[in-house]
Structure formats: structure tokens, C-alpha cells
Amino acid sequence: MKLGKFYIETYGCQMNEHDSEQMAAQLEELGYASTSDISSADVVLVNTCTIREKPEHKVYSFLGRLRKLKRRNPHMIIGVGGCVAQQHDSALLDRVPHLDFVIGTHQAGHLGELLETVRLKRTRLARTCFDTGVFSRRLLRARVHRAAAAARAYVTVMEGCDNFCSFCVVPYVRGRERSRPSREILQEVRRLTEAGVVEITLLGQNVNSYGRKDGDISFPQLLKRLGEVEGLARLRFTTSHPRDFSAEVIQAFADIPTLCGHVHLPLQSGSTRILRRMNRGYTRAEYLEKVKSLRQTRPGIAVTSDMIVGFPGETEKDFQETLSLMEKVRFDGLYSFQYSARPGTAASRMADDVPPEEKARRLKILQKLQDQHTLDGNRRMAGEVVEVLVEGPSRNSHREMTGRSRCNRVVNFPGKSELAGKLVSVRIEEGLKHSLRGTLISDISE
């Protein structure tokens, strides 16, 4: 029975993208059909992020635009999930009168029953309590079908975080660390590869601490077992905390052929003094040593990171230490942000003493430096032949296809749509600011 159409708007990280996939699968199991036209949707779900102030503002702006749609279609059901939902709970229902339900990060597996209660009883609900449940196994078939169409998929291995970095709201909105049993993860990965998925990305707020508390094996052991799954050509994981990035995890990049040569290792600051204020648990020197070990273990590995400018107490000297570390490491890519206080965190009780205009100045300088480093790295790849998993048509030209190399660089090349989902060899002709351009050599999927 078809119940109507649904539209999901997602903000935030890969974990949120995966949560949206999980929730879409539940809605399809209920009988709803996905639509890209929000005006035709009977259910609109906003999956949210509150890690920084800007994405949270985007959520409220988007919800404001939904007011007109709700007036035109009073039967439309609007829900908010994710971290903003978890943080604000039923207060969101008071703030947004046209909102029908709020569902927290640990309750996403119950979306179907919550939605049915709202739909049938025409009531407004908020459900945000923490629990230890995982997504229902009955949804695996639907998730496999959705993932196989793209030849790559996300698999959650753990959730939550116990590190309590002073700026970070994750432990409060995602809860404490909990790991899935390895047998469930292996079963899910095998089902996905049997359906045609060739690339798996393991997800967790602090993925390399998998198994440290309640898992049956360690993260390096999990990587080894997954590396032996037949049909799996590529394995990735994100996100890692440098404090828990062990020598055994580093060694996995040498021992497991399917483990792709890319690691995202958020630094946040190049100043040891600021790292201590952030409660990151490592020093500048320790971070540099981990990067050095990674590059010795896996030559050519791509290293990307996160950086915050304007953290409380950050001086010009601290900022210059960040820039000098960037010069030493020369990251392949960087997500960078101005500090914004998040409610409930330790840093929110510190004096936010770096003026907004100074934060903006520092961010501009940092991003300009990183743009040059990224461009230099991309240009050095000219002439190389790389393996690319084709994702689909390029956004810039219908005559080109786009995909990602094993080191996670975007590669565009002339090609036909039939290549989507396949592994191909591409010779890189040119390195650009944010991508590589190349020429197709061969289809290596067969």
C-alpha cells in the first residue's frame, strides 16, 4: 500500500547521511516513495547537525521555509531528527509551530512507528531518550537495495564518544561510545558486497576506538576481517581521533590491500597550548609523529583534517603555530571553521575572546594556504594512472563522469553513463584546485 511521498533534507557528516539512508529505508518499508520534489511530499524529514552554529542556523532557516508548504498542504507531516532534535527535544515543537514530531539520534530506528502515531492520531510528539538499540535487521534488505545502486555504502560500527573535547557537543547528542558486535558488521558487509557494493566506509564518531569498551574485537582486528570479505574492493573509515589512532591502526594500511590510502585525522589546532584547552589528549609533536608514521607505512597516503580558528584564548602565536604545522604536513584537504560555542560544552564556559573579525581574518589566511597545498598536491598527480570508482555524471558537464580515487580525490573524465558504479583506470592529465581531470584508459570492474 502506497502512503504517499517523502523528502529528506540532510545536514552534517557522513553519519547523518547514513542515518538518512536508514530512515529512508524505513519509510519505503512502510509504503512511502521517495521524491526529490519537496512540494509534492506528504512527509518531510529534516536530519540535522549541531556540531557548529552555522548548520544549526541553516536548519531553522529551512524549517521556516516549510511554513508555506504546510499552509498549502495542511496534511503534510514535518519531522526533525538528528543532533538538533536530540539537543532541543520538545522545545523544538514550541519554537516551530508547524513541526509535527522530533526524533532523537538513538530513536531513528523507531521512525516508522512514531510517524504512524503522528499520522493516525494527528498528534505532535518528541522522542529523544537514549537507548542501546540499533536499526532493525528487517531493514537490511531495503538498505542493501539502495546502496547497491551506487556501488558504495556506509556501515556504522560504533556510535557516540567518550573523549569530551571541550568544544564538542557529540557526547551530549550522540551519547557515550557503544560498539556493534563484529558478527553483525560482517554480515551487513557481506550482504552489501553480494548485492554489488564494492566500497564500504565504516562510520563512527570515534571509529578507531571501536571495541574498546563493549566490542568483541579491536578495530584493527575488525579491519583485518573485513579486508578478507570476498568482493569488497575498497574499505574506508571515518572519523578518527588522533588520541586513539594506534600503531596497530597505522600498520593496517600496510597489511590490508583493500584499505584505501586515505585517512581523515582531525587536528583542530597546531598549538599544543590550545590542544590542551580543547582537551584533545595529544600534543603538536605527537600528531606530527603519527602523520610521519602513516606516510612511512603507506607511501602516498592522503591525509585530510579539521581545523578550528579563534578558539577561546587563541593568540596570534597559537595561530601561527597552526600555519607552521600545515606547512610541515601539507594536508591533502582540510575542513576549517571559525569557533562557535556549543551549549553545554566546557568551552562554552570559557571567554569567547577572539573578535569575530579576527576569526574571519585567520580563517581566510588558513584557507588560502590550504588551497595552495591542495592544488600543489593535485598537480603532482599529473601523469599518474589511478583507480576510480565512478559515481555518476559530473555536475559541470553532462559529457563527463565523476568518481573518487583510492586516495579520495574527485576525478572527472569524459565517459558514458554506463560506467556509473564501476571501477575504471584513469590517467590524470591535470590537477585543479578541488579535483583532478583525466582520460579513461579501461574498465577494470570485470
Foldseek 3Di string as FASTA:
>chain_A
DAPFEEEEAEDDDPVRVQLVLLLVLLNVVVHYHYDPDHLRGQEYEYEFDVFDDVRVVVVVVVLVVCVVSCVVPVNRAYEYEYQVLLVCWCVVCVVRVSHAEGEAPQRSLVVNVVVVCCNPVVHGYTDRDHDDDDHDPVSLVSSLVVQQVQLEEEDEFKEADDQQFQQGCRCVRTNHIDGDELVVRLVSLLSNLVSRRQEYEYEYQAQQCHPVPDYPDGNLVSLVVSLPRPRHQAYHYDDHQLQSCDPSVLLSLQVRNRYFQEYEYADAFLQQVVCVNRSSNDHNVSVVVVLVSSCVNPPPRAYEYEYEPQQFPQDPVRLVSRVVSCVVNLHLYYHYYYRDHDPPGNSVPGPSPQDPVNSVVSVVVVVVVNLVSNQVVQQVQAFPKFKWQWRFADPVDNQWTWTATSSGFIEIEGDDRVSRRFIFIWHFHGGDSRHTYTYTDGTPRD
